[in-house]
Protein backbone atom coordinates (compact mmCIF):
# COMPACT_ATOMS: atom_id res chain seq x y z
CA MET A 1 0.00 0.00 0.00
CA LYS A 2 1.55 3.29 -1.04
CA ASP A 3 1.57 6.23 1.33
CA PHE A 4 2.79 8.86 -1.13
CA ASP A 5 1.71 10.85 -4.16
CA LEU A 6 3.26 13.14 -6.77
CA GLN A 7 3.77 15.93 -4.22
CA SER A 8 5.58 13.66 -1.75
CA ARG A 9 9.30 14.18 -1.36
CA PRO A 10 11.14 10.86 -1.00
CA GLY A 11 14.41 10.58 0.86
CA LEU A 12 16.76 7.86 2.00
CA SER A 13 16.18 6.68 5.54
CA PRO A 14 18.87 7.77 8.00
CA HIS A 15 20.24 4.23 8.42
CA VAL A 16 20.93 3.67 4.70
CA ARG A 17 23.24 5.23 2.13
CA LEU A 18 24.09 4.91 -1.54
CA GLN A 19 27.67 3.95 -2.24
CA MET A 20 29.80 2.69 -5.10
CA ASP A 21 30.89 -0.90 -4.45
CA ALA A 22 34.67 -1.08 -4.82
CA LEU A 23 34.66 -4.55 -6.37
CA SER A 24 31.71 -4.47 -8.72
CA ARG A 25 31.84 -0.69 -9.41
CA GLN A 26 28.04 -0.70 -9.09
CA THR A 27 25.98 1.60 -6.91
CA VAL A 28 24.61 -0.26 -3.90
CA LEU A 29 22.39 0.58 -0.97
CA LEU A 30 24.11 -0.06 2.34
CA TYR A 31 22.08 -0.72 5.47
CA PRO A 32 23.03 -2.10 8.92
CA GLU A 33 22.12 -5.69 8.08
CA GLY A 34 23.74 -5.79 4.68
CA ILE A 35 23.91 -4.52 1.16
CA LEU A 36 21.35 -4.30 -1.63
CA GLU A 37 22.57 -4.36 -5.22
CA LEU A 38 20.53 -1.93 -7.28
CA ASN A 39 19.56 -2.16 -10.89
CA THR A 40 20.03 0.88 -13.10
CA THR A 41 16.43 2.02 -12.66
CA ALA A 42 16.63 1.96 -8.86
CA GLN A 43 19.98 3.77 -8.98
CA GLU A 44 18.51 6.55 -11.10
CA ILE A 45 15.49 6.92 -8.84
CA LEU A 46 17.30 6.75 -5.49
CA GLY A 47 19.99 9.12 -6.65
CA ARG A 48 17.28 11.80 -6.84
CA CYS A 49 15.61 11.04 -3.49
CA ASP A 50 16.95 13.86 -1.34
CA GLY A 51 13.85 14.55 0.80
CA ARG A 52 13.42 17.95 -0.89
CA THR A 53 12.50 17.07 -4.49
CA SER A 54 8.91 16.03 -5.20
CA LEU A 55 8.06 12.86 -7.06
CA ALA A 56 6.54 15.05 -9.80
CA ASP A 57 9.91 16.77 -10.26
CA ILE A 58 11.81 13.47 -10.15
CA LEU A 59 9.51 12.07 -12.84
CA ALA A 60 9.93 15.18 -14.97
CA THR A 61 13.72 14.95 -14.69
CA LEU A 62 13.77 11.26 -15.58
CA ALA A 63 11.35 11.83 -18.47
CA ALA A 64 13.58 14.55 -19.91
CA GLU A 65 16.76 12.54 -19.41
CA TYR A 66 15.39 9.38 -21.00
CA ASP A 67 13.10 11.07 -23.53
CA ALA A 68 10.06 9.19 -22.25
CA PRO A 69 6.63 10.40 -21.10
CA ALA A 70 6.47 10.87 -17.32
CA ASP A 71 3.14 9.02 -17.25
CA GLU A 72 4.85 5.92 -18.65
CA LEU A 73 7.62 6.10 -16.04
CA LYS A 74 5.29 6.75 -13.11
CA SER A 75 4.25 3.14 -12.45
CA ASP A 76 7.86 1.89 -12.45
CA VAL A 77 9.03 4.70 -10.16
CA PHE A 78 6.12 4.23 -7.76
CA HIS A 79 6.61 0.45 -7.70
CA CYS A 80 10.32 0.82 -6.96
CA LEU A 81 9.67 3.28 -4.15
CA GLU A 82 6.87 1.12 -2.70
CA GLN A 83 9.25 -1.83 -2.49
CA LEU A 84 12.04 0.19 -0.90
CA SER A 85 9.65 1.93 1.48
CA ALA A 86 8.25 -1.43 2.64
CA ARG A 87 11.79 -2.40 3.67
CA GLY A 88 12.31 0.89 5.50
CA PHE A 89 14.93 2.24 3.08
CA VAL A 90 12.92 5.27 1.91
CA PHE A 91 10.74 7.80 3.72
CA PHE A 92 8.33 10.40 2.34
CA GLU A 93 7.83 14.02 3.36
CA SER A 94 4.49 15.62 2.59
């Protein structure tokens, strides 16, 4: 169940951080219990989750960068953030 909308401002939870893995050279999400390897989509989304930028603005930026309609990206972005939020890796400001 999602608890956010286009005006929500997602951010990384205080106990997690994005970091480049020295061995794989991939961006990963570090948390106290381990490490989560991110696919390119999740990297692009999480890299923009600063707690200040709205989801509408994140979608607009991604749409411009990838030359794709924001409406087409919305379901993938929301699904990614729902999954990460359920694990406590992302929070949302109203």
